[in-house]
Amino acid sequence: MSIQKILVVDDDNLSRQFLVEAVKSLGFQVAIARDGNEGFEQARNASPDIVLTDLRMPGSDGLQLVERLKNEMPGLPVVVITAHGTVETAVQAMRRGAVDFLMKPCTADTLQLVLRRIERTTKLERENEYLRQEMLGSGSRTIAESPAMQETVRAAQRIAKSKGTVLVTGESGTGKERIAQMIHQESTRASAPFVRVNCAALSESLLESELFGHEKGAFTGAIKSREGRFELADGGTLLLDEIGEISPALQAKLLRVLEEEEFERVGGTATIKVDVRVIATTNRDLAAEVKAGRFREDLYYRLHVLPIHIAPLRERSKDVLPLARHFLAHFARTQGTNELNLSTAAEQKLLQWTWPGNVRELENVLQRAVVLCQGTTLEPTDIVFGAATGPVGVLQGGLASVASALPSLANRPLADIEREAILETLASTGGNKTEAARRMGVSARTLSNKMKLWRQLGLVA
């Protein structure tokens, strides 16, 4: 959270003016209200980052204002300031949603301490909510048994100690994000946030808002101000996944942030300064994109300070089995099954495949295998590659026909296609799993196991 504007609510002219001067002396913008009702309207219209409110006011008092703001704008921090405070009053204010309680007269130094604490706390809460989703992956351990991957890891460890921008290249699914996480964890910023944004997943306007934030009313649907990923990552690391997908207009804005470490929110005029290390990833040849005129040359050189390339899985076969065992243990644990092993024949089958989808494909294959396995050892029949049984991998017959009717299957992960096909069939049977399994030509147990796994992974409700 970056505090820019503070709303001061106080019915006493002298007290209000004192607070206004204190806030201005700290470099913040100020909005003013003279009672609780006006304060509520100002909070809705002026989009403050924090509210400082007096306790005793005519009409709607400070506690009522705290309660209304808590209900209507739960993310807006409110500090109650009064000359008539007691322990009971402070407890009551906190219970209604105030984040702090101060006694008058409140000096600028005291106010600054409180604002800094709120800024840190609010930022951590938002980071934790973001990171809670990011940590739902399959673990953070980096597997490196092959010479190529060992050299990549060593390079990442060396780079981590520096401060420069990093560009991680490699085919889709090779583990670029995992290397980016490792660089952050090995750096001096490890205790600060690691924030990720997928540049390929959002339209230009949404990506701009996601990166830089926006002010209230900046566009249709912007009902309140929102900080962007650069602010969220302040002091830490920002991963720009698939950087080669961003538009020329955003490339120019990103270049400015990298050069000057400052920007404005969408629809805003206040300049925000940040201290963020950027790690960018791409599966494109950016040098070729520059020659083709699709990527700015100056941005390319700004990103290409510390490059790292990850070899495809087909060129590092020594990593296949260690990765497979890692995923096997993870999915067995997630599904709540017993410890599983790979038979020698299953290992050979994994080693003979060329892995066009790289590590991500291997992960999907092991996820399906854990669901299909009937015993404690995975056999070759449990390991099914995408090309072996059509677009949905492990399922045949009716489900294949369902999947073939789904739009835009090209270049999508097989596990996603399979899940969508199953959900489509379930929807067509009104949720009847027995009938859905019959139509798909699989056992009800297989279907139940898949649904159980997806619920544990948070992929279905």
Protein backbone atom coordinates (compact mmCIF):
# COMPACT_ATOMS: atom_id res chain seq x y z
CA MET A 1 0.00 0.00 0.00
CA SER A 2 1.28 3.46 -0.91
CA ILE A 3 -0.37 6.29 1.06
CA GLN A 4 -1.08 9.40 -1.02
CA LYS A 5 -4.31 10.96 0.26
CA ILE A 6 -5.66 11.17 3.82
CA LEU A 7 -9.18 12.15 4.82
CA VAL A 8 -9.43 14.19 8.05
CA VAL A 9 -12.85 14.16 9.75
CA ASP A 10 -13.30 16.55 12.71
CA ASP A 11 -16.03 19.03 13.67
CA ASP A 12 -13.67 21.30 15.65
CA ASN A 13 -12.05 23.90 13.37
CA LEU A 14 -8.80 24.27 15.35
CA SER A 15 -8.34 20.55 15.87
CA ARG A 16 -9.09 19.83 12.22
CA GLN A 17 -6.69 22.48 11.01
CA PHE A 18 -3.95 21.13 13.26
CA LEU A 19 -4.39 17.63 11.79
CA VAL A 20 -4.49 19.00 8.25
CA GLU A 21 -1.21 20.85 8.75
CA ALA A 22 0.38 17.76 10.30
CA VAL A 23 -0.70 15.61 7.37
CA LYS A 24 0.53 18.17 4.81
CA SER A 25 3.88 18.49 6.61
CA LEU A 26 4.37 14.76 6.00
CA GLY A 27 3.86 15.25 2.26
CA PHE A 28 0.36 13.77 1.87
CA GLN A 29 -2.69 15.14 0.07
CA VAL A 30 -5.63 16.02 2.34
CA ALA A 31 -9.40 15.81 2.06
CA ILE A 32 -11.60 17.38 4.77
CA ALA A 33 -14.97 16.56 6.36
CA ARG A 34 -16.72 18.17 9.33
CA ASP A 35 -18.84 15.28 10.64
CA GLY A 36 -19.41 11.57 10.20
CA ASN A 37 -21.98 11.85 7.42
CA GLU A 38 -19.80 14.19 5.38
CA GLY A 39 -16.82 11.97 6.15
CA PHE A 40 -18.60 8.93 4.73
CA GLU A 41 -19.48 10.78 1.52
CA GLN A 42 -15.92 12.10 1.19
CA ALA A 43 -14.55 8.59 1.68
CA ARG A 44 -16.70 7.42 -1.23
CA ASN A 45 -15.92 10.37 -3.50
CA ALA A 46 -12.34 11.40 -2.67
CA SER A 47 -10.90 7.83 -2.56
CA PRO A 48 -8.53 8.41 0.40
CA ASP A 49 -5.97 5.82 1.40
CA ILE A 50 -6.54 6.38 5.15
CA VAL A 51 -9.20 8.13 7.27
CA LEU A 52 -8.36 10.06 10.46
CA THR A 53 -11.57 10.73 12.38
CA ASP A 54 -12.46 12.48 15.61
CA LEU A 55 -14.48 10.41 18.09
CA ARG A 56 -17.09 12.86 19.34
CA MET A 57 -18.96 14.73 16.63
CA PRO A 58 -22.59 15.90 16.26
CA GLY A 59 -24.88 13.63 14.29
CA SER A 60 -22.89 10.62 13.14
CA ASP A 61 -19.89 10.22 15.49
CA GLY A 62 -16.52 8.60 14.91
CA LEU A 63 -17.56 5.10 15.98
CA GLN A 64 -20.54 5.16 13.65
CA LEU A 65 -18.30 6.33 10.83
CA VAL A 66 -15.84 3.52 11.53
CA GLU A 67 -18.65 0.98 11.39
CA ARG A 68 -20.12 2.36 8.15
CA LEU A 69 -16.72 2.43 6.45
CA LYS A 70 -15.94 -1.08 7.65
CA ASN A 71 -19.16 -2.35 6.06
CA GLU A 72 -18.95 -0.36 2.83
CA MET A 73 -15.18 -0.09 2.28
CA PRO A 74 -13.59 -2.88 4.32
CA GLY A 75 -10.12 -2.28 2.89
CA LEU A 76 -9.95 1.38 3.96
CA PRO A 77 -7.93 1.87 7.21
CA VAL A 78 -9.51 4.19 9.80
CA VAL A 79 -7.71 5.79 12.77
CA VAL A 80 -9.77 7.28 15.61
CA ILE A 81 -8.31 10.40 17.27
CA THR A 82 -9.84 11.89 20.43
CA ALA A 83 -9.19 14.02 23.49
CA HIS A 84 -11.58 11.93 25.60
CA GLY A 85 -10.18 8.46 25.23
CA THR A 86 -10.50 5.54 27.61
CA VAL A 87 -9.42 1.92 27.33
CA GLU A 88 -13.05 0.90 26.86
CA THR A 89 -13.54 3.42 24.06
CA ALA A 90 -10.37 2.26 22.30
CA VAL A 91 -11.47 -1.38 22.50
CA GLN A 92 -14.89 -0.45 21.14
CA ALA A 93 -13.32 1.44 18.22
CA MET A 94 -11.08 -1.52 17.37
CA ARG A 95 -14.00 -3.93 17.51
CA ARG A 96 -15.93 -1.80 15.05
CA GLY A 97 -13.02 -1.83 12.62
CA ALA A 98 -10.55 0.95 13.50
CA VAL A 99 -6.92 0.05 12.90
CA ASP A 100 -5.54 2.43 15.57
CA PHE A 101 -6.58 4.84 18.32
CA LEU A 102 -4.68 8.06 19.14
CA MET A 103 -5.00 10.74 21.82
CA LYS A 104 -5.04 14.47 21.12
CA PRO A 105 -2.89 16.45 20.72
CA CYS A 106 -1.39 14.25 18.02
CA THR A 107 2.00 15.43 16.76
CA ALA A 108 3.26 14.98 13.23
CA ASP A 109 5.94 12.57 14.48
CA THR A 110 3.37 10.34 16.22
CA LEU A 111 1.13 10.45 13.18
CA GLN A 112 4.01 9.50 10.90
CA LEU A 113 4.80 6.42 13.01
CA VAL A 114 1.19 5.30 12.88
CA LEU A 115 0.88 5.86 9.14
CA ARG A 116 4.09 3.93 8.45
CA ARG A 117 2.85 1.02 10.56
CA ILE A 118 -0.50 0.96 8.77
CA GLU A 119 1.25 1.17 5.40
CA ARG A 120 3.42 -1.84 6.23
CA THR A 121 0.59 -3.87 7.74
CA THR A 122 -1.84 -3.24 4.88
CA LYS A 123 0.80 -4.02 2.32
CA LEU A 124 1.67 -7.30 4.04
CA GLU A 125 -1.98 -8.31 4.19
CA ARG A 126 -2.37 -7.76 0.46
CA GLU A 127 0.89 -9.51 -0.29
CA ASN A 128 -0.17 -12.50 1.82
CA GLU A 129 -3.47 -12.78 -0.02
CA TYR A 130 -1.66 -12.64 -3.33
CA LEU A 131 1.07 -15.06 -2.27
CA ARG A 132 -1.48 -17.47 -0.81
CA GLN A 133 -2.67 -18.09 -4.36
CA GLU A 134 0.85 -18.17 -5.75
CA MET A 135 1.95 -20.81 -3.24
CA LEU A 136 -0.67 -23.35 -4.40
CA GLY A 137 1.86 -24.72 -6.88
CA SER A 138 3.65 -28.06 -6.62
CA GLY A 139 6.50 -26.94 -4.41
CA SER A 140 9.47 -24.65 -4.82
CA ARG A 141 12.34 -27.12 -5.04
CA THR A 142 14.49 -26.83 -8.16
CA ILE A 143 15.51 -30.20 -9.62
CA ALA A 144 18.91 -30.07 -11.30
CA GLU A 145 20.66 -33.37 -12.04
CA SER A 146 21.71 -32.69 -15.63
CA PRO A 147 24.86 -30.65 -16.35
CA ALA A 148 22.80 -28.09 -18.31
CA MET A 149 20.39 -27.48 -15.46
CA GLN A 150 23.15 -27.45 -12.86
CA GLU A 151 24.89 -24.68 -14.80
CA THR A 152 21.60 -22.78 -15.03
CA VAL A 153 21.15 -23.02 -11.26
CA ARG A 154 24.72 -21.87 -10.63
CA ALA A 155 24.19 -18.90 -12.95
CA ALA A 156 20.95 -18.03 -11.17
CA GLN A 157 22.68 -18.13 -7.79
CA ARG A 158 25.41 -15.80 -9.04
CA ILE A 159 22.90 -13.43 -10.58
CA ALA A 160 20.78 -13.40 -7.43
CA LYS A 161 23.45 -11.49 -5.52
CA SER A 162 23.43 -8.65 -8.05
CA LYS A 163 20.82 -5.91 -8.50
CA GLY A 164 20.37 -5.97 -12.27
CA THR A 165 17.32 -6.84 -14.33
CA VAL A 166 17.13 -10.50 -15.34
CA LEU A 167 15.80 -12.02 -18.57
CA VAL A 168 14.99 -15.75 -18.37
CA THR A 169 14.46 -17.43 -21.74
CA GLY A 170 13.39 -20.92 -22.72
CA GLU A 171 10.60 -22.93 -24.29
CA SER A 172 7.17 -22.96 -22.72
CA GLY A 173 7.01 -25.26 -19.71
CA THR A 174 10.77 -25.42 -18.99
CA GLY A 175 10.50 -23.91 -15.50
CA LYS A 176 11.32 -20.25 -16.08
CA GLU A 177 9.15 -19.10 -13.21
CA ARG A 178 10.83 -21.57 -10.85
CA ILE A 179 14.24 -20.10 -11.70
CA ALA A 180 12.85 -16.60 -11.16
CA GLN A 181 11.61 -17.64 -7.71
CA MET A 182 15.01 -19.08 -6.88
CA ILE A 183 16.76 -15.85 -7.89
CA HIS A 184 14.45 -13.93 -5.57
CA GLN A 185 14.94 -16.37 -2.69
CA GLU A 186 18.72 -16.23 -3.03
CA SER A 187 18.79 -12.42 -3.24
CA THR A 188 18.95 -9.75 -0.56
CA ARG A 189 15.26 -9.13 -1.29
CA ALA A 190 14.21 -12.60 -0.12
CA SER A 191 12.24 -11.26 2.84
CA ALA A 192 10.38 -8.79 0.59
CA PRO A 193 7.49 -9.72 -1.75
CA PHE A 194 7.83 -11.79 -4.90
CA VAL A 195 4.98 -10.73 -7.20
CA ARG A 196 4.08 -12.27 -10.56
CA VAL A 197 1.99 -11.04 -13.48
CA ASN A 198 1.30 -13.02 -16.65
CA CYS A 199 1.59 -10.51 -19.48
CA ALA A 200 0.04 -12.90 -21.99
CA ALA A 201 -3.14 -13.48 -19.99
CA LEU A 202 -4.51 -9.91 -19.97
CA SER A 203 -5.61 -7.37 -22.55
CA GLU A 204 -3.53 -4.21 -22.96
CA SER A 205 -5.83 -2.04 -20.82
CA LEU A 206 -6.17 -4.62 -18.05
CA LEU A 207 -2.44 -5.30 -18.02
CA GLU A 208 -1.68 -1.60 -17.69
CA SER A 209 -4.01 -1.36 -14.68
CA GLU A 210 -2.58 -4.58 -13.24
CA LEU A 211 0.99 -3.29 -13.49
CA PHE A 212 0.56 0.35 -12.49
CA GLY A 213 -2.77 0.42 -10.64
CA HIS A 214 -5.57 2.88 -11.29
CA GLU A 215 -7.48 5.71 -9.67
CA LYS A 216 -11.19 5.69 -9.00
CA GLY A 217 -13.15 6.54 -12.14
CA ALA A 218 -10.17 5.97 -14.47
CA PHE A 219 -12.34 3.68 -16.59
CA THR A 220 -15.72 1.97 -16.50
CA GLY A 221 -15.81 -0.34 -13.51
CA ALA A 222 -13.04 1.44 -11.58
CA ILE A 223 -15.23 2.03 -8.51
CA LYS A 224 -12.24 2.60 -6.25
CA SER A 225 -8.52 3.24 -6.47
CA ARG A 226 -6.27 0.20 -6.68
CA GLU A 227 -2.53 -0.25 -6.42
CA GLY A 228 -0.72 -2.20 -9.12
CA ARG A 229 1.85 -4.96 -9.02
CA PHE A 230 4.77 -2.53 -9.07
CA GLU A 231 3.53 -0.99 -5.82
CA LEU A 232 2.81 -4.40 -4.35
CA ALA A 233 6.35 -5.53 -5.18
CA ASP A 234 8.03 -2.40 -3.76
CA GLY A 235 11.25 -3.48 -2.07
CA GLY A 236 11.05 -6.93 -3.63
CA THR A 237 10.90 -8.63 -7.01
CA LEU A 238 8.39 -8.39 -9.85
CA LEU A 239 8.21 -11.28 -12.32
CA LEU A 240 6.92 -10.23 -15.74
CA ASP A 241 5.98 -13.57 -17.25
CA GLU A 242 5.92 -13.74 -21.07
CA ILE A 243 7.23 -10.19 -21.52
CA GLY A 244 7.30 -10.64 -25.30
CA GLU A 245 3.50 -10.41 -25.42
CA ILE A 246 3.11 -6.79 -24.26
CA SER A 247 2.04 -4.03 -26.66
CA PRO A 248 4.38 -1.26 -27.92
CA ALA A 249 2.55 1.34 -25.80
CA LEU A 250 3.10 -0.65 -22.63
CA GLN A 251 6.69 -1.36 -23.64
CA ALA A 252 7.32 2.41 -23.54
CA LYS A 253 5.77 2.76 -20.07
CA LEU A 254 7.68 -0.23 -18.77
CA LEU A 255 10.94 1.21 -20.10
CA ARG A 256 10.33 4.39 -18.10
CA VAL A 257 9.81 2.43 -14.86
CA LEU A 258 12.99 0.44 -15.42
CA GLU A 259 14.99 3.60 -16.14
CA GLU A 260 13.51 6.05 -13.62
CA GLU A 261 11.83 3.75 -11.05
CA GLU A 262 8.65 5.84 -11.11
CA PHE A 263 5.24 5.89 -12.77
CA GLU A 264 1.66 7.16 -12.45
CA ARG A 265 -1.43 5.07 -11.90
CA VAL A 266 -3.93 4.86 -14.74
CA GLY A 267 -6.04 8.00 -14.50
CA GLY A 268 -3.74 9.52 -11.87
CA THR A 269 -1.31 12.43 -11.80
CA ALA A 270 0.74 11.68 -8.67
CA THR A 271 4.16 10.17 -9.42
CA ILE A 272 4.88 7.00 -7.46
CA LYS A 273 8.46 5.91 -6.86
CA VAL A 274 9.30 2.24 -6.27
CA ASP A 275 12.31 0.05 -5.61
CA VAL A 276 11.62 -3.13 -7.58
CA ARG A 277 13.87 -5.70 -9.18
CA VAL A 278 12.36 -6.94 -12.44
CA ILE A 279 12.76 -10.49 -13.72
CA ALA A 280 11.25 -11.04 -17.16
CA THR A 281 10.61 -14.37 -18.86
CA THR A 282 9.81 -15.21 -22.45
CA ASN A 283 9.64 -18.18 -24.82
CA ARG A 284 10.18 -15.85 -27.77
CA ASP A 285 13.41 -14.82 -29.47
CA LEU A 286 13.33 -11.17 -28.43
CA ALA A 287 16.29 -10.28 -30.64
CA ALA A 288 14.29 -11.50 -33.62
CA GLU A 289 11.24 -9.60 -32.35
CA VAL A 290 13.35 -6.44 -32.27
CA LYS A 291 14.45 -6.95 -35.89
CA ALA A 292 10.83 -7.52 -36.89
CA GLY A 293 9.83 -4.25 -35.23
CA ARG A 294 7.54 -5.87 -32.67
CA PHE A 295 9.70 -5.21 -29.61
CA ARG A 296 11.52 -2.03 -28.63
CA GLU A 297 15.28 -2.29 -28.96
CA ASP A 298 15.93 -0.01 -25.97
CA LEU A 299 13.64 -2.10 -23.76
CA TYR A 300 15.31 -5.30 -24.96
CA TYR A 301 18.74 -4.07 -23.89
CA ARG A 302 17.32 -2.79 -20.60
CA LEU A 303 15.95 -6.29 -19.90
CA HIS A 304 18.92 -8.20 -21.31
CA VAL A 305 21.30 -7.16 -18.52
CA LEU A 306 21.58 -10.58 -16.87
CA PRO A 307 20.29 -13.27 -19.27
CA ILE A 308 19.63 -16.90 -18.30
CA HIS A 309 18.57 -19.61 -20.75
CA ILE A 310 16.87 -22.84 -19.68
CA ALA A 311 17.39 -25.84 -21.95
CA PRO A 312 14.34 -27.92 -22.97
CA LEU A 313 13.71 -31.15 -21.07
CA ARG A 314 14.62 -33.29 -24.11
CA GLU A 315 18.17 -31.94 -23.81
CA ARG A 316 18.50 -32.78 -20.11
CA SER A 317 17.26 -36.33 -19.77
CA LYS A 318 18.99 -36.76 -16.40
CA ASP A 319 16.35 -34.47 -14.90
CA VAL A 320 13.36 -36.53 -16.08
CA LEU A 321 13.28 -39.20 -13.37
CA PRO A 322 14.16 -36.90 -10.43
CA LEU A 323 11.40 -34.54 -11.57
CA ALA A 324 8.99 -37.44 -12.03
CA ARG A 325 9.63 -38.70 -8.49
CA HIS A 326 9.18 -35.18 -7.13
CA PHE A 327 5.81 -34.76 -8.86
CA LEU A 328 4.79 -38.28 -7.92
CA ALA A 329 5.37 -37.60 -4.23
CA HIS A 330 3.62 -34.25 -4.43
CA PHE A 331 0.44 -35.51 -6.11
CA ALA A 332 0.27 -38.62 -3.94
CA ARG A 333 0.46 -36.40 -0.88
CA THR A 334 -2.10 -33.96 -2.29
CA GLN A 335 -4.56 -36.73 -3.10
CA GLY A 336 -4.03 -38.40 0.27
CA THR A 337 -2.89 -41.73 -1.17
CA ASN A 338 -0.07 -43.98 -0.04
CA GLU A 339 3.51 -43.40 -1.15
CA LEU A 340 3.88 -44.39 -4.79
CA ASN A 341 6.86 -45.69 -6.73
CA LEU A 342 7.85 -45.96 -10.38
CA SER A 343 8.44 -49.38 -11.86
CA THR A 344 11.55 -49.88 -14.01
CA ALA A 345 9.37 -50.22 -17.09
CA ALA A 346 7.55 -46.98 -16.23
CA GLU A 347 10.88 -45.21 -15.84
CA GLN A 348 11.97 -46.39 -19.25
CA LYS A 349 8.74 -45.14 -20.78
CA LEU A 350 9.30 -41.70 -19.29
CA LEU A 351 12.88 -41.60 -20.54
CA GLN A 352 11.89 -42.55 -24.09
CA TRP A 353 9.41 -39.69 -24.50
CA THR A 354 10.65 -36.43 -26.08
CA TRP A 355 8.59 -34.11 -23.83
CA PRO A 356 7.43 -31.44 -26.28
CA GLY A 357 5.62 -29.76 -23.39
CA ASN A 358 8.74 -29.90 -21.20
CA VAL A 359 8.46 -29.96 -17.38
CA ARG A 360 4.83 -28.83 -17.43
CA GLU A 361 3.89 -31.82 -19.58
CA LEU A 362 5.77 -34.16 -17.24
CA GLU A 363 3.88 -32.69 -14.30
CA ASN A 364 0.53 -33.25 -16.05
CA VAL A 365 1.44 -36.82 -16.97
CA LEU A 366 2.34 -37.65 -13.35
CA GLN A 367 -0.81 -35.99 -12.06
CA ARG A 368 -2.94 -38.21 -14.31
CA ALA A 369 -0.87 -41.27 -13.44
CA VAL A 370 -1.46 -40.83 -9.71
CA VAL A 371 -5.22 -40.73 -10.33
CA LEU A 372 -5.15 -43.85 -12.53
CA CYS A 373 -2.78 -45.96 -10.41
CA GLN A 374 -4.56 -48.84 -8.65
CA GLY A 375 -1.66 -50.02 -6.50
CA THR A 376 1.50 -48.62 -4.93
CA THR A 377 3.67 -48.77 -8.06
CA LEU A 378 3.14 -46.85 -11.28
CA GLU A 379 3.28 -49.11 -14.33
CA PRO A 380 3.63 -48.13 -18.01
CA THR A 381 -0.15 -48.44 -18.44
CA ASP A 382 -0.64 -45.65 -15.87
CA ILE A 383 1.55 -43.29 -17.87
CA VAL A 384 -0.32 -41.87 -20.83
CA PHE A 385 1.06 -39.21 -23.14
CA GLY A 386 -1.12 -36.77 -25.06
CA ALA A 387 -0.53 -38.31 -28.49
CA ALA A 388 -1.38 -41.81 -27.24
CA THR A 389 -5.12 -41.37 -26.82
CA GLY A 390 -6.14 -38.18 -28.54
CA PRO A 391 -6.87 -34.72 -27.21
CA VAL A 392 -7.98 -35.70 -23.72
CA GLY A 393 -5.09 -37.98 -22.86
CA VAL A 394 -6.29 -40.75 -20.58
CA LEU A 395 -9.95 -40.97 -21.53
CA GLN A 396 -11.46 -42.60 -24.58
CA GLY A 397 -14.80 -43.07 -26.30
CA GLY A 398 -17.54 -40.68 -25.29
CA LEU A 399 -15.25 -38.16 -23.58
CA ALA A 400 -13.06 -37.87 -26.66
CA SER A 401 -16.09 -36.86 -28.68
CA VAL A 402 -17.07 -34.33 -26.04
CA ALA A 403 -13.56 -32.85 -26.07
CA SER A 404 -13.50 -32.70 -29.86
CA ALA A 405 -16.57 -30.48 -29.75
CA LEU A 406 -14.99 -27.97 -27.40
CA PRO A 407 -13.62 -24.78 -29.04
CA SER A 408 -10.00 -23.70 -29.29
CA LEU A 409 -8.23 -26.87 -28.15
CA ALA A 410 -5.02 -26.09 -30.01
CA ASN A 411 -1.98 -25.29 -27.90
CA ARG A 412 -3.84 -25.74 -24.61
CA PRO A 413 -2.59 -27.97 -21.75
CA LEU A 414 -4.03 -31.47 -22.06
CA ALA A 415 -5.04 -31.51 -18.39
CA ASP A 416 -7.15 -28.38 -18.93
CA ILE A 417 -8.87 -29.88 -21.96
CA GLU A 418 -9.56 -33.10 -20.08
CA ARG A 419 -11.01 -31.23 -17.08
CA GLU A 420 -13.19 -29.06 -19.29
CA ALA A 421 -14.52 -32.10 -21.14
CA ILE A 422 -15.42 -33.84 -17.88
CA LEU A 423 -17.15 -30.76 -16.51
CA GLU A 424 -19.09 -30.36 -19.77
CA THR A 425 -20.30 -33.95 -19.53
CA LEU A 426 -21.25 -33.56 -15.87
CA ALA A 427 -23.20 -30.42 -16.71
CA SER A 428 -25.09 -32.26 -19.48
CA THR A 429 -26.13 -34.98 -16.97
CA GLY A 430 -27.21 -32.49 -14.31
CA GLY A 431 -24.30 -33.51 -12.10
CA ASN A 432 -25.03 -37.25 -12.24
CA LYS A 433 -21.54 -38.75 -11.92
CA THR A 434 -22.64 -42.31 -12.69
CA GLU A 435 -24.28 -41.29 -15.96
CA ALA A 436 -21.38 -38.97 -16.83
CA ALA A 437 -18.89 -41.81 -16.29
CA ARG A 438 -20.99 -44.12 -18.47
CA ARG A 439 -21.08 -41.59 -21.32
CA MET A 440 -17.31 -41.06 -21.10
CA GLY A 441 -16.55 -44.75 -21.02
CA VAL A 442 -14.68 -44.66 -17.71
CA SER A 443 -15.37 -46.04 -14.25
CA ALA A 444 -17.21 -43.98 -11.67
CA ARG A 445 -14.18 -44.40 -9.41
CA THR A 446 -11.88 -42.80 -11.98
CA LEU A 447 -14.23 -39.86 -12.32
CA SER A 448 -14.55 -39.48 -8.54
CA ASN A 449 -10.78 -39.60 -8.10
CA LYS A 450 -10.31 -36.85 -10.67
CA MET A 451 -12.93 -34.60 -9.10
CA LYS A 452 -11.40 -35.17 -5.66
CA LEU A 453 -7.95 -34.23 -6.93
CA TRP A 454 -9.19 -31.11 -8.70
CA ARG A 455 -11.03 -29.95 -5.59
CA GLN A 456 -7.86 -30.39 -3.52
CA LEU A 457 -5.95 -28.35 -6.09
CA GLY A 458 -8.64 -25.68 -6.07
CA LEU A 459 -9.42 -26.23 -9.78
CA VAL A 460 -13.13 -26.93 -9.24
CA ALA A 461 -15.60 -25.95 -6.54
